[in-house]
Amino acid sequence: MADYTRGEVSGRVRGRVKTLCLDMAALERFEALQSQEAFSAIEEMRGDDAGFATLRRLVWSAMAKHHPDATLAEAQAFIAKHADKIRAMLQRALPEPETDEDVAESAPGKPAGATG
């Protein structure tokens, strides 16, 4: 069972449920495979600047906690079937930082639509 509060997601691939966990061990594993800092690679993915090989390595690394025998082919199959869940995993595990505009909108003040 996936723990969504920890950036985990699950999906069925080839008849079996696979759970991805984007924890520190997965990020470290990914950096070793990618020869790039995980956070910069994830930022590239968010901006659609990363290639498919980068995404596949990240998914494969995230599979390792629950499925140490997972293959790159299984990671590829998960991506093909569950791209939405991968986006959710990234957002839960590594939320995008708030911008100055986000902070201003959430600051206390006048209710929306108030005048004067």
PDB file of N, CA and C in Angstrom:
ATOM      1  N   MET A   1       0.839  -1.181   0.000  1.00  0.00           N
ATOM      2  CA  MET A   1       0.000   0.000   0.000  1.00  0.00           C
ATOM      3  C   MET A   1       0.884   1.244   0.000  1.00  0.00           C
ATOM      4  N   ALA A   2       0.623   2.152  -0.888  1.00  0.00           N
ATOM      5  CA  ALA A   2       1.413   3.374  -1.008  1.00  0.00           C
ATOM      6  C   ALA A   2       1.109   4.320   0.150  1.00  0.00           C
ATOM      7  N   ASP A   3       2.153   4.967   0.649  1.00  0.00           N
ATOM      8  CA  ASP A   3       2.003   5.996   1.669  1.00  0.00           C
ATOM      9  C   ASP A   3       2.106   7.342   0.952  1.00  0.00           C
ATOM     10  N   TYR A   4       0.966   7.930   0.620  1.00  0.00           N
ATOM     11  CA  TYR A   4       0.935   9.144  -0.185  1.00  0.00           C
ATOM     12  C   TYR A   4       1.587  10.329   0.517  1.00  0.00           C
ATOM     13  N   THR A   5       1.616  10.316   1.846  1.00  0.00           N
ATOM     14  CA  THR A   5       2.222  11.423   2.568  1.00  0.00           C
ATOM     15  C   THR A   5       3.734  11.425   2.437  1.00  0.00           C
ATOM     16  N   ARG A   6       4.299  10.334   1.979  1.00  0.00           N
ATOM     17  CA  ARG A   6       5.748  10.243   1.808  1.00  0.00           C
ATOM     18  C   ARG A   6       6.161  10.226   0.347  1.00  0.00           C
ATOM     19  N   GLY A   7       5.287  10.656  -0.508  1.00  0.00           N
ATOM     20  CA  GLY A   7       5.633  10.709  -1.918  1.00  0.00           C
ATOM     21  C   GLY A   7       5.565   9.368  -2.606  1.00  0.00           C
ATOM     22  N   GLU A   8       4.799   8.431  -2.073  1.00  0.00           N
ATOM     23  CA  GLU A   8       4.651   7.121  -2.694  1.00  0.00           C
ATOM     24  C   GLU A   8       3.400   7.080  -3.564  1.00  0.00           C
ATOM     25  N   VAL A   9       3.490   6.348  -4.648  1.00  0.00           N
ATOM     26  CA  VAL A   9       2.342   6.085  -5.516  1.00  0.00           C
ATOM     27  C   VAL A   9       2.419   4.640  -5.975  1.00  0.00           C
ATOM     28  N   SER A  10       1.273   4.067  -6.297  1.00  0.00           N
ATOM     29  CA  SER A  10       1.227   2.691  -6.785  1.00  0.00           C
ATOM     30  C   SER A  10       0.432   2.620  -8.073  1.00  0.00           C
ATOM     31  N   GLY A  11       0.772   1.635  -8.873  1.00  0.00           N
ATOM     32  CA  GLY A  11       0.052   1.393 -10.114  1.00  0.00           C
ATOM     33  C   GLY A  11       0.311  -0.026 -10.593  1.00  0.00           C
ATOM     34  N   ARG A  12      -0.628  -0.538 -11.328  1.00  0.00           N
ATOM     35  CA  ARG A  12      -0.517  -1.908 -11.836  1.00  0.00           C
ATOM     36  C   ARG A  12       0.273  -1.900 -13.148  1.00  0.00           C
ATOM     37  N   VAL A  13       1.300  -2.752 -13.191  1.00  0.00           N
ATOM     38  CA  VAL A  13       2.139  -2.911 -14.376  1.00  0.00           C
ATOM     39  C   VAL A  13       2.336  -4.400 -14.611  1.00  0.00           C
ATOM     40  N   ARG A  14       1.971  -4.827 -15.805  1.00  0.00           N
ATOM     41  CA  ARG A  14       2.132  -6.238 -16.173  1.00  0.00           C
ATOM     42  C   ARG A  14       1.485  -7.174 -15.156  1.00  0.00           C
ATOM     43  N   GLY A  15       0.301  -6.772 -14.695  1.00  0.00           N
ATOM     44  CA  GLY A  15      -0.468  -7.617 -13.791  1.00  0.00           C
ATOM     45  C   GLY A  15      -0.055  -7.567 -12.331  1.00  0.00           C
ATOM     46  N   ARG A  16       0.931  -6.753 -11.990  1.00  0.00           N
ATOM     47  CA  ARG A  16       1.389  -6.659 -10.598  1.00  0.00           C
ATOM     48  C   ARG A  16       1.400  -5.201 -10.163  1.00  0.00           C
ATOM     49  N   VAL A  17       1.089  -4.974  -8.902  1.00  0.00           N
ATOM     50  CA  VAL A  17       1.103  -3.617  -8.370  1.00  0.00           C
ATOM     51  C   VAL A  17       2.547  -3.240  -8.051  1.00  0.00           C
ATOM     52  N   LYS A  18       2.961  -2.089  -8.561  1.00  0.00           N
ATOM     53  CA  LYS A  18       4.298  -1.553  -8.292  1.00  0.00           C
ATOM     54  C   LYS A  18       4.127  -0.262  -7.507  1.00  0.00           C
ATOM     55  N   THR A  19       4.926  -0.086  -6.460  1.00  0.00           N
ATOM     56  CA  THR A  19       4.890   1.110  -5.641  1.00  0.00           C
ATOM     57  C   THR A  19       6.201   1.855  -5.804  1.00  0.00           C
ATOM     58  N   LEU A  20       6.081   3.143  -6.100  1.00  0.00           N
ATOM     59  CA  LEU A  20       7.256   4.004  -6.205  1.00  0.00           C
ATOM     60  C   LEU A  20       7.375   4.811  -4.925  1.00  0.00           C
ATOM     61  N   CYS A  21       8.599   4.999  -4.457  1.00  0.00           N
ATOM     62  CA  CYS A  21       8.862   5.803  -3.271  1.00  0.00           C
ATOM     63  C   CYS A  21      10.036   6.718  -3.576  1.00  0.00           C
ATOM     64  N   LEU A  22       9.776   7.997  -3.615  1.00  0.00           N
ATOM     65  CA  LEU A  22      10.820   8.970  -3.911  1.00  0.00           C
ATOM     66  C   LEU A  22      11.378   9.512  -2.597  1.00  0.00           C
ATOM     67  N   ASP A  23      12.164   8.669  -1.916  1.00  0.00           N
ATOM     68  CA  ASP A  23      12.781   9.070  -0.657  1.00  0.00           C
ATOM     69  C   ASP A  23      14.247   9.433  -0.908  1.00  0.00           C
ATOM     70  N   MET A  24      14.975   9.701   0.163  1.00  0.00           N
ATOM     71  CA  MET A  24      16.378  10.117   0.005  1.00  0.00           C
ATOM     72  C   MET A  24      17.220   9.013  -0.639  1.00  0.00           C
ATOM     73  N   ALA A  25      16.954   7.763  -0.313  1.00  0.00           N
ATOM     74  CA  ALA A  25      17.699   6.658  -0.915  1.00  0.00           C
ATOM     75  C   ALA A  25      17.463   6.599  -2.421  1.00  0.00           C
ATOM     76  N   ALA A  26      16.215   6.832  -2.839  1.00  0.00           N
ATOM     77  CA  ALA A  26      15.908   6.828  -4.271  1.00  0.00           C
ATOM     78  C   ALA A  26      16.598   7.993  -4.976  1.00  0.00           C
ATOM     79  N   LEU A  27      16.615   9.156  -4.339  1.00  0.00           N
ATOM     80  CA  LEU A  27      17.279  10.312  -4.935  1.00  0.00           C
ATOM     81  C   LEU A  27      18.783  10.074  -5.054  1.00  0.00           C
ATOM     82  N   GLU A  28      19.367   9.459  -4.038  1.00  0.00           N
ATOM     83  CA  GLU A  28      20.801   9.144  -4.088  1.00  0.00           C
ATOM     84  C   GLU A  28      21.096   8.124  -5.192  1.00  0.00           C
ATOM     85  N   ARG A  29      20.269   7.113  -5.290  1.00  0.00           N
ATOM     86  CA  ARG A  29      20.423   6.087  -6.336  1.00  0.00           C
ATOM     87  C   ARG A  29      20.313   6.736  -7.721  1.00  0.00           C
ATOM     88  N   PHE A  30      19.339   7.616  -7.871  1.00  0.00           N
ATOM     89  CA  PHE A  30      19.142   8.316  -9.131  1.00  0.00           C
ATOM     90  C   PHE A  30      20.365   9.154  -9.497  1.00  0.00           C
ATOM     91  N   GLU A  31      20.918   9.885  -8.519  1.00  0.00           N
ATOM     92  CA  GLU A  31      22.094  10.708  -8.793  1.00  0.00           C
ATOM     93  C   GLU A  31      23.266   9.854  -9.269  1.00  0.00           C
ATOM     94  N   ALA A  32      23.436   8.667  -8.678  1.00  0.00           N
ATOM     95  CA  ALA A  32      24.523   7.778  -9.100  1.00  0.00           C
ATOM     96  C   ALA A  32      24.313   7.298 -10.532  1.00  0.00           C
ATOM     97  N   LEU A  33      23.075   6.994 -10.887  1.00  0.00           N
ATOM     98  CA  LEU A  33      22.768   6.544 -12.250  1.00  0.00           C
ATOM     99  C   LEU A  33      22.876   7.677 -13.264  1.00  0.00           C
ATOM    100  N   GLN A  34      22.451   8.848 -12.866  1.00  0.00           N
ATOM    101  CA  GLN A  34      22.303   9.981 -13.774  1.00  0.00           C
ATOM    102  C   GLN A  34      23.568  10.826 -13.878  1.00  0.00           C
ATOM    103  N   SER A  35      24.435  10.745 -12.866  1.00  0.00           N
ATOM    104  CA  SER A  35      25.615  11.625 -12.787  1.00  0.00           C
ATOM    105  C   SER A  35      25.194  13.092 -12.832  1.00  0.00           C
ATOM    106  N   GLN A  36      24.114  13.386 -12.113  1.00  0.00           N
ATOM    107  CA  GLN A  36      23.566  14.739 -12.046  1.00  0.00           C
ATOM    108  C   GLN A  36      22.837  14.860 -10.716  1.00  0.00           C
ATOM    109  N   GLU A  37      22.823  16.063 -10.145  1.00  0.00           N
ATOM    110  CA  GLU A  37      22.082  16.267  -8.911  1.00  0.00           C
ATOM    111  C   GLU A  37      20.598  16.028  -9.162  1.00  0.00           C
ATOM    112  N   ALA A  38      19.969  15.305  -8.261  1.00  0.00           N
ATOM    113  CA  ALA A  38      18.568  14.935  -8.436  1.00  0.00           C
ATOM    114  C   ALA A  38      17.657  16.150  -8.557  1.00  0.00           C
ATOM    115  N   PHE A  39      17.874  17.158  -7.719  1.00  0.00           N
ATOM    116  CA  PHE A  39      16.973  18.309  -7.736  1.00  0.00           C
ATOM    117  C   PHE A  39      17.046  19.079  -9.052  1.00  0.00           C
ATOM    118  N   SER A  40      18.240  19.195  -9.620  1.00  0.00           N
ATOM    119  CA  SER A  40      18.327  19.902 -10.907  1.00  0.00           C
ATOM    120  C   SER A  40      17.674  19.078 -12.016  1.00  0.00           C
ATOM    121  N   ALA A  41      17.813  17.768 -11.956  1.00  0.00           N
ATOM    122  CA  ALA A  41      17.156  16.911 -12.955  1.00  0.00           C
ATOM    123  C   ALA A  41      15.640  16.996 -12.831  1.00  0.00           C
ATOM    124  N   ILE A  42      15.134  17.039 -11.604  1.00  0.00           N
ATOM    125  CA  ILE A  42      13.687  17.130 -11.391  1.00  0.00           C
ATOM    126  C   ILE A  42      13.161  18.476 -11.887  1.00  0.00           C
ATOM    127  N   GLU A  43      13.916  19.538 -11.671  1.00  0.00           N
ATOM    128  CA  GLU A  43      13.512  20.842 -12.201  1.00  0.00           C
ATOM    129  C   GLU A  43      13.452  20.804 -13.725  1.00  0.00           C
ATOM    130  N   GLU A  44      14.395  20.108 -14.358  1.00  0.00           N
ATOM    131  CA  GLU A  44      14.360  19.958 -15.814  1.00  0.00           C
ATOM    132  C   GLU A  44      13.106  19.197 -16.241  1.00  0.00           C
ATOM    133  N   MET A  45      12.732  18.171 -15.476  1.00  0.00           N
ATOM    134  CA  MET A  45      11.524  17.405 -15.793  1.00  0.00           C
ATOM    135  C   MET A  45      10.282  18.281 -15.674  1.00  0.00           C
ATOM    136  N   ARG A  46      10.235  19.105 -14.650  1.00  0.00           N
ATOM    137  CA  ARG A  46       9.082  19.996 -14.469  1.00  0.00           C
ATOM    138  C   ARG A  46       8.963  20.976 -15.620  1.00  0.00           C
ATOM    139  N   GLY A  47      10.087  21.352 -16.204  1.00  0.00           N
ATOM    140  CA  GLY A  47      10.075  22.280 -17.329  1.00  0.00           C
ATOM    141  C   GLY A  47      10.079  21.584 -18.671  1.00  0.00           C
ATOM    142  N   ASP A  48       9.886  20.280 -18.691  1.00  0.00           N
ATOM    143  CA  ASP A  48       9.882  19.482 -19.917  1.00  0.00           C
ATOM    144  C   ASP A  48      11.219  19.545 -20.656  1.00  0.00           C
ATOM    145  N   ASP A  49      12.324  19.761 -19.909  1.00  0.00           N
ATOM    146  CA  ASP A  49      13.637  19.827 -20.531  1.00  0.00           C
ATOM    147  C   ASP A  49      14.421  18.526 -20.395  1.00  0.00           C
ATOM    148  N   ALA A  50      13.899  17.558 -19.650  1.00  0.00           N
ATOM    149  CA  ALA A  50      14.622  16.309 -19.431  1.00  0.00           C
ATOM    150  C   ALA A  50      14.203  15.271 -20.459  1.00  0.00           C
ATOM    151  N   GLY A  51      15.110  14.399 -20.779  1.00  0.00           N
ATOM    152  CA  GLY A  51      14.815  13.335 -21.724  1.00  0.00           C
ATOM    153  C   GLY A  51      14.144  12.143 -21.071  1.00  0.00           C
ATOM    154  N   PHE A  52      13.699  11.226 -21.901  1.00  0.00           N
ATOM    155  CA  PHE A  52      13.008  10.043 -21.402  1.00  0.00           C
ATOM    156  C   PHE A  52      13.918   9.175 -20.549  1.00  0.00           C
ATOM    157  N   ALA A  53      15.196   9.079 -20.906  1.00  0.00           N
ATOM    158  CA  ALA A  53      16.129   8.256 -20.130  1.00  0.00           C
ATOM    159  C   ALA A  53      16.228   8.754 -18.688  1.00  0.00           C
ATOM    160  N   THR A  54      16.193  10.063 -18.509  1.00  0.00           N
ATOM    161  CA  THR A  54      16.236  10.647 -17.167  1.00  0.00           C
ATOM    162  C   THR A  54      15.000  10.243 -16.372  1.00  0.00           C
ATOM    163  N   LEU A  55      13.839  10.353 -16.974  1.00  0.00           N
ATOM    164  CA  LEU A  55      12.597   9.972 -16.302  1.00  0.00           C
ATOM    165  C   LEU A  55      12.601   8.486 -15.962  1.00  0.00           C
ATOM    166  N   ARG A  56      13.055   7.662 -16.892  1.00  0.00           N
ATOM    167  CA  ARG A  56      13.084   6.216 -16.657  1.00  0.00           C
ATOM    168  C   ARG A  56      14.015   5.866 -15.500  1.00  0.00           C
ATOM    169  N   ARG A  57      15.166   6.524 -15.415  1.00  0.00           N
ATOM    170  CA  ARG A  57      16.091   6.273 -14.301  1.00  0.00           C
ATOM    171  C   ARG A  57      15.482   6.706 -12.970  1.00  0.00           C
ATOM    172  N   LEU A  58      14.755   7.821 -12.969  1.00  0.00           N
ATOM    173  CA  LEU A  58      14.130   8.285 -11.738  1.00  0.00           C
ATOM    174  C   LEU A  58      13.064   7.294 -11.271  1.00  0.00           C
ATOM    175  N   VAL A  59      12.223   6.840 -12.176  1.00  0.00           N
ATOM    176  CA  VAL A  59      11.172   5.880 -11.827  1.00  0.00           C
ATOM    177  C   VAL A  59      11.790   4.572 -11.355  1.00  0.00           C
ATOM    178  N   TRP A  60      12.818   4.107 -12.031  1.00  0.00           N
ATOM    179  CA  TRP A  60      13.494   2.862 -11.636  1.00  0.00           C
ATOM    180  C   TRP A  60      14.091   3.008 -10.239  1.00  0.00           C
ATOM    181  N   SER A  61      14.685   4.144  -9.958  1.00  0.00           N
ATOM    182  CA  SER A  61      15.248   4.396  -8.629  1.00  0.00           C
ATOM    183  C   SER A  61      14.157   4.419  -7.566  1.00  0.00           C
ATOM    184  N   ALA A  62      13.013   4.998  -7.905  1.00  0.00           N
ATOM    185  CA  ALA A  62      11.904   5.067  -6.952  1.00  0.00           C
ATOM    186  C   ALA A  62      11.251   3.712  -6.719  1.00  0.00           C
ATOM    187  N   MET A  63      11.415   2.785  -7.642  1.00  0.00           N
ATOM    188  CA  MET A  63      10.866   1.434  -7.475  1.00  0.00           C
ATOM    189  C   MET A  63      11.680   0.590  -6.495  1.00  0.00           C
ATOM    190  N   ALA A  64      12.942   0.922  -6.305  1.00  0.00           N
ATOM    191  CA  ALA A  64      13.873   0.034  -5.605  1.00  0.00           C
ATOM    192  C   ALA A  64      13.503  -0.269  -4.155  1.00  0.00           C
ATOM    193  N   LYS A  65      12.892   0.660  -3.439  1.00  0.00           N
ATOM    194  CA  LYS A  65      12.562   0.411  -2.029  1.00  0.00           C
ATOM    195  C   LYS A  65      11.624  -0.785  -1.887  1.00  0.00           C
ATOM    196  N   HIS A  66      10.580  -0.811  -2.686  1.00  0.00           N
ATOM    197  CA  HIS A  66       9.585  -1.875  -2.582  1.00  0.00           C
ATOM    198  C   HIS A  66       9.829  -3.022  -3.560  1.00  0.00           C
ATOM    199  N   HIS A  67      10.620  -2.758  -4.595  1.00  0.00           N
ATOM    200  CA  HIS A  67      10.855  -3.763  -5.647  1.00  0.00           C
ATOM    201  C   HIS A  67      12.327  -3.742  -6.053  1.00  0.00           C
ATOM    202  N   PRO A  68      13.218  -4.258  -5.208  1.00  0.00           N
ATOM    203  CA  PRO A  68      14.651  -4.178  -5.505  1.00  0.00           C
ATOM    204  C   PRO A  68      15.056  -4.915  -6.783  1.00  0.00           C
ATOM    205  N   ASP A  69      14.222  -5.811  -7.244  1.00  0.00           N
ATOM    206  CA  ASP A  69      14.532  -6.559  -8.470  1.00  0.00           C
ATOM    207  C   ASP A  69      13.870  -5.945  -9.710  1.00  0.00           C
ATOM    208  N   ALA A  70      13.312  -4.754  -9.576  1.00  0.00           N
ATOM    209  CA  ALA A  70      12.647  -4.100 -10.706  1.00  0.00           C
ATOM    210  C   ALA A  70      13.634  -3.849 -11.844  1.00  0.00           C
ATOM    211  N   THR A  71      13.114  -3.822 -13.044  1.00  0.00           N
ATOM    212  CA  THR A  71      13.943  -3.609 -14.230  1.00  0.00           C
ATOM    213  C   THR A  71      13.620  -2.262 -14.876  1.00  0.00           C
ATOM    214  N   LEU A  72      14.503  -1.817 -15.740  1.00  0.00           N
ATOM    215  CA  LEU A  72      14.234  -0.595 -16.498  1.00  0.00           C
ATOM    216  C   LEU A  72      13.006  -0.770 -17.379  1.00  0.00           C
ATOM    217  N   ALA A  73      12.778  -1.982 -17.866  1.00  0.00           N
ATOM    218  CA  ALA A  73      11.591  -2.240 -18.685  1.00  0.00           C
ATOM    219  C   ALA A  73      10.310  -2.041 -17.863  1.00  0.00           C
ATOM    220  N   GLU A  74      10.324  -2.436 -16.600  1.00  0.00           N
ATOM    221  CA  GLU A  74       9.157  -2.210 -15.739  1.00  0.00           C
ATOM    222  C   GLU A  74       8.976  -0.712 -15.461  1.00  0.00           C
ATOM    223  N   ALA A  75      10.069  -0.006 -15.292  1.00  0.00           N
ATOM    224  CA  ALA A  75       9.977   1.446 -15.101  1.00  0.00           C
ATOM    225  C   ALA A  75       9.363   2.090 -16.332  1.00  0.00           C
ATOM    226  N   GLN A  76       9.787   1.659 -17.501  1.00  0.00           N
ATOM    227  CA  GLN A  76       9.246   2.188 -18.752  1.00  0.00           C
ATOM    228  C   GLN A  76       7.753   1.896 -18.867  1.00  0.00           C
ATOM    229  N   ALA A  77       7.356   0.692 -18.486  1.00  0.00           N
ATOM    230  CA  ALA A  77       5.939   0.326 -18.541  1.00  0.00           C
ATOM    231  C   ALA A  77       5.119   1.163 -17.561  1.00  0.00           C
ATOM    232  N   PHE A  78       5.685   1.440 -16.378  1.00  0.00           N
ATOM    233  CA  PHE A  78       4.986   2.273 -15.397  1.00  0.00           C
ATOM    234  C   PHE A  78       4.783   3.677 -15.958  1.00  0.00           C
ATOM    235  N   ILE A  79       5.806   4.220 -16.592  1.00  0.00           N
ATOM    236  CA  ILE A  79       5.715   5.562 -17.173  1.00  0.00           C
ATOM    237  C   ILE A  79       4.623   5.605 -18.244  1.00  0.00           C
ATOM    238  N   ALA A  80       4.613   4.597 -19.098  1.00  0.00           N
ATOM    239  CA  ALA A  80       3.640   4.572 -20.196  1.00  0.00           C
ATOM    240  C   ALA A  80       2.206   4.531 -19.686  1.00  0.00           C
ATOM    241  N   LYS A  81       1.998   3.875 -18.561  1.00  0.00           N
ATOM    242  CA  LYS A  81       0.641   3.669 -18.061  1.00  0.00           C
ATOM    243  C   LYS A  81       0.224   4.679 -16.987  1.00  0.00           C
ATOM    244  N   HIS A  82       1.193   5.229 -16.255  1.00  0.00           N
ATOM    245  CA  HIS A  82       0.861   6.016 -15.059  1.00  0.00           C
ATOM    246  C   HIS A  82       1.617   7.343 -14.981  1.00  0.00           C
ATOM    247  N   ALA A  83       1.713   8.071 -16.071  1.00  0.00           N
ATOM    248  CA  ALA A  83       2.425   9.355 -16.058  1.00  0.00           C
ATOM    249  C   ALA A  83       1.827  10.318 -15.034  1.00  0.00           C
ATOM    250  N   ASP A  84       0.515  10.294 -14.876  1.00  0.00           N
ATOM    251  CA  ASP A  84      -0.143  11.176 -13.911  1.00  0.00           C
ATOM    252  C   ASP A  84       0.290  10.871 -12.481  1.00  0.00           C
ATOM    253  N   LYS A  85       0.506   9.603 -12.181  1.00  0.00           N
ATOM    254  CA  LYS A  85       0.930   9.223 -10.831  1.00  0.00           C
ATOM    255  C   LYS A  85       2.371   9.640 -10.568  1.00  0.00           C
ATOM    256  N   ILE A  86       3.191   9.646 -11.599  1.00  0.00           N
ATOM    257  CA  ILE A  86       4.574  10.091 -11.438  1.00  0.00           C
ATOM    258  C   ILE A  86       4.596  11.587 -11.126  1.00  0.00           C
ATOM    259  N   ARG A  87       3.791  12.360 -11.829  1.00  0.00           N
ATOM    260  CA  ARG A  87       3.689  13.795 -11.534  1.00  0.00           C
ATOM    261  C   ARG A  87       3.225  14.014 -10.092  1.00  0.00           C
ATOM    262  N   ALA A  88       2.248  13.229  -9.656  1.00  0.00           N
ATOM    263  CA  ALA A  88       1.744  13.345  -8.280  1.00  0.00           C
ATOM    264  C   ALA A  88       2.840  12.993  -7.271  1.00  0.00           C
ATOM    265  N   MET A  89       3.626  11.953  -7.558  1.00  0.00           N
ATOM    266  CA  MET A  89       4.717  11.555  -6.672  1.00  0.00           C
ATOM    267  C   MET A  89       5.729  12.685  -6.530  1.00  0.00           C
ATOM    268  N   LEU A  90       6.097  13.289  -7.640  1.00  0.00           N
ATOM    269  CA  LEU A  90       7.058  14.394  -7.603  1.00  0.00           C
ATOM    270  C   LEU A  90       6.512  15.567  -6.797  1.00  0.00           C
ATOM    271  N   GLN A  91       5.250  15.880  -6.992  1.00  0.00           N
ATOM    272  CA  GLN A  91       4.650  17.014  -6.282  1.00  0.00           C
ATOM    273  C   GLN A  91       4.557  16.743  -4.786  1.00  0.00           C
ATOM    274  N   ARG A  92       4.201  15.527  -4.416  1.00  0.00           N
ATOM    275  CA  ARG A  92       4.079  15.207  -2.985  1.00  0.00           C
ATOM    276  C   ARG A  92       5.431  15.154  -2.305  1.00  0.00           C
ATOM    277  N   ALA A  93       6.400  14.535  -2.963  1.00  0.00           N
ATOM    278  CA  ALA A  93       7.715  14.359  -2.351  1.00  0.00           C
ATOM    279  C   ALA A  93       8.528  15.647  -2.369  1.00  0.00           C
ATOM    280  N   LEU A  94       8.392  16.407  -3.461  1.00  0.00           N
ATOM    281  CA  LEU A  94       9.194  17.613  -3.635  1.00  0.00           C
ATOM    282  C   LEU A  94       8.309  18.743  -4.144  1.00  0.00           C
ATOM    283  N   PRO A  95       7.469  19.308  -3.278  1.00  0.00           N
ATOM    284  CA  PRO A  95       6.577  20.367  -3.736  1.00  0.00           C
ATOM    285  C   PRO A  95       7.363  21.557  -4.260  1.00  0.00           C
ATOM    286  N   GLU A  96       6.794  22.201  -5.264  1.00  0.00           N
ATOM    287  CA  GLU A  96       7.439  23.384  -5.819  1.00  0.00           C
ATOM    288  C   GLU A  96       7.412  24.487  -4.780  1.00  0.00           C
ATOM    289  N   PRO A  97       8.508  25.246  -4.673  1.00  0.00           N
ATOM    290  CA  PRO A  97       8.521  26.336  -3.689  1.00  0.00           C
ATOM    291  C   PRO A  97       7.509  27.410  -4.048  1.00  0.00           C
ATOM    292  N   GLU A  98       6.995  28.062  -3.009  1.00  0.00           N
ATOM    293  CA  GLU A  98       6.038  29.146  -3.239  1.00  0.00           C
ATOM    294  C   GLU A  98       6.752  30.334  -3.862  1.00  0.00           C
ATOM    295  N   THR A  99       6.068  31.016  -4.732  1.00  0.00           N
ATOM    296  CA  THR A  99       6.604  32.243  -5.310  1.00  0.00           C
ATOM    297  C   THR A  99       6.175  33.411  -4.440  1.00  0.00           C
ATOM    298  N   ASP A 100       6.737  34.568  -4.675  1.00  0.00           N
ATOM    299  CA  ASP A 100       6.330  35.764  -3.942  1.00  0.00           C
ATOM    300  C   ASP A 100       4.850  36.048  -4.153  1.00  0.00           C
ATOM    301  N   GLU A 101       4.329  35.765  -5.363  1.00  0.00           N
ATOM    302  CA  GLU A 101       2.906  35.981  -5.645  1.00  0.00           C
ATOM    303  C   GLU A 101       2.031  35.061  -4.808  1.00  0.00           C
ATOM    304  N   ASP A 102       2.463  33.779  -4.645  1.00  0.00           N
ATOM    305  CA  ASP A 102       1.697  32.838  -3.830  1.00  0.00           C
ATOM    306  C   ASP A 102       1.606  33.330  -2.395  1.00  0.00           C
ATOM    307  N   VAL A 103       2.711  33.831  -1.873  1.00  0.00           N
ATOM    308  CA  VAL A 103       2.740  34.310  -0.496  1.00  0.00           C
ATOM    309  C   VAL A 103       1.832  35.521  -0.343  1.00  0.00           C
ATOM    310  N   ALA A 104       1.868  36.442  -1.304  1.00  0.00           N
ATOM    311  CA  ALA A 104       1.032  37.645  -1.232  1.00  0.00           C
ATOM    312  C   ALA A 104      -0.450  37.288  -1.268  1.00  0.00           C
ATOM    313  N   GLU A 105      -0.824  36.311  -2.099  1.00  0.00           N
ATOM    314  CA  GLU A 105      -2.228  35.914  -2.202  1.00  0.00           C
ATOM    315  C   GLU A 105      -2.734  35.258  -0.934  1.00  0.00           C
ATOM    316  N   SER A 106      -1.860  34.567  -0.198  1.00  0.00           N
ATOM    317  CA  SER A 106      -2.309  33.863   0.994  1.00  0.00           C
ATOM    318  C   SER A 106      -2.149  34.703   2.262  1.00  0.00           C
ATOM    319  N   ALA A 107      -1.606  35.915   2.127  1.00  0.00           N
ATOM    320  CA  ALA A 107      -1.409  36.774   3.293  1.00  0.00           C
ATOM    321  C   ALA A 107      -2.749  37.268   3.824  1.00  0.00           C
ATOM    322  N   PRO A 108      -2.831  37.448   5.138  1.00  0.00           N
ATOM    323  CA  PRO A 108      -4.082  37.963   5.691  1.00  0.00           C
ATOM    324  C   PRO A 108      -4.325  39.398   5.204  1.00  0.00           C
ATOM    325  N   GLY A 109      -5.557  39.741   5.084  1.00  0.00           N
ATOM    326  CA  GLY A 109      -5.897  41.092   4.619  1.00  0.00           C
ATOM    327  C   GLY A 109      -7.374  41.162   4.366  1.00  0.00           C
ATOM    328  N   LYS A 110      -7.721  42.009   3.427  1.00  0.00           N
ATOM    329  CA  LYS A 110      -9.138  42.167   3.092  1.00  0.00           C
ATOM    330  C   LYS A 110      -9.659  40.919   2.407  1.00  0.00           C
ATOM    331  N   PRO A 111     -10.885  40.545   2.680  1.00  0.00           N
ATOM    332  CA  PRO A 111     -11.487  39.421   1.963  1.00  0.00           C
ATOM    333  C   PRO A 111     -11.605  39.747   0.485  1.00  0.00           C
ATOM    334  N   ALA A 112     -11.635  38.722  -0.312  1.00  0.00           N
ATOM    335  CA  ALA A 112     -11.776  38.912  -1.757  1.00  0.00           C
ATOM    336  C   ALA A 112     -13.032  39.706  -2.055  1.00  0.00           C
ATOM    337  N   GLY A 113     -12.916  40.682  -2.940  1.00  0.00           N
ATOM    338  CA  GLY A 113     -14.073  41.471  -3.351  1.00  0.00           C
ATOM    339  C   GLY A 113     -14.378  42.632  -2.437  1.00  0.00           C
ATOM    340  N   ALA A 114     -13.617  42.781  -1.334  1.00  0.00           N
ATOM    341  CA  ALA A 114     -13.885  43.891  -0.424  1.00  0.00           C
ATOM    342  C   ALA A 114     -13.441  45.207  -1.049  1.00  0.00           C
ATOM    343  N   THR A 115     -14.131  46.255  -0.737  1.00  0.00           N
ATOM    344  CA  THR A 115     -13.771  47.575  -1.247  1.00  0.00           C
ATOM    345  C   THR A 115     -13.532  48.515  -0.093  1.00  0.00           C
ATOM    346  N   GLY A 116     -12.833  49.584  -0.409  1.00  0.00           N
ATOM    347  CA  GLY A 116     -12.679  50.654   0.565  1.00  0.00           C
ATOM    348  C   GLY A 116     -11.609  50.469   1.459  1.00  0.00           C
TER     349      GLY A 116
END
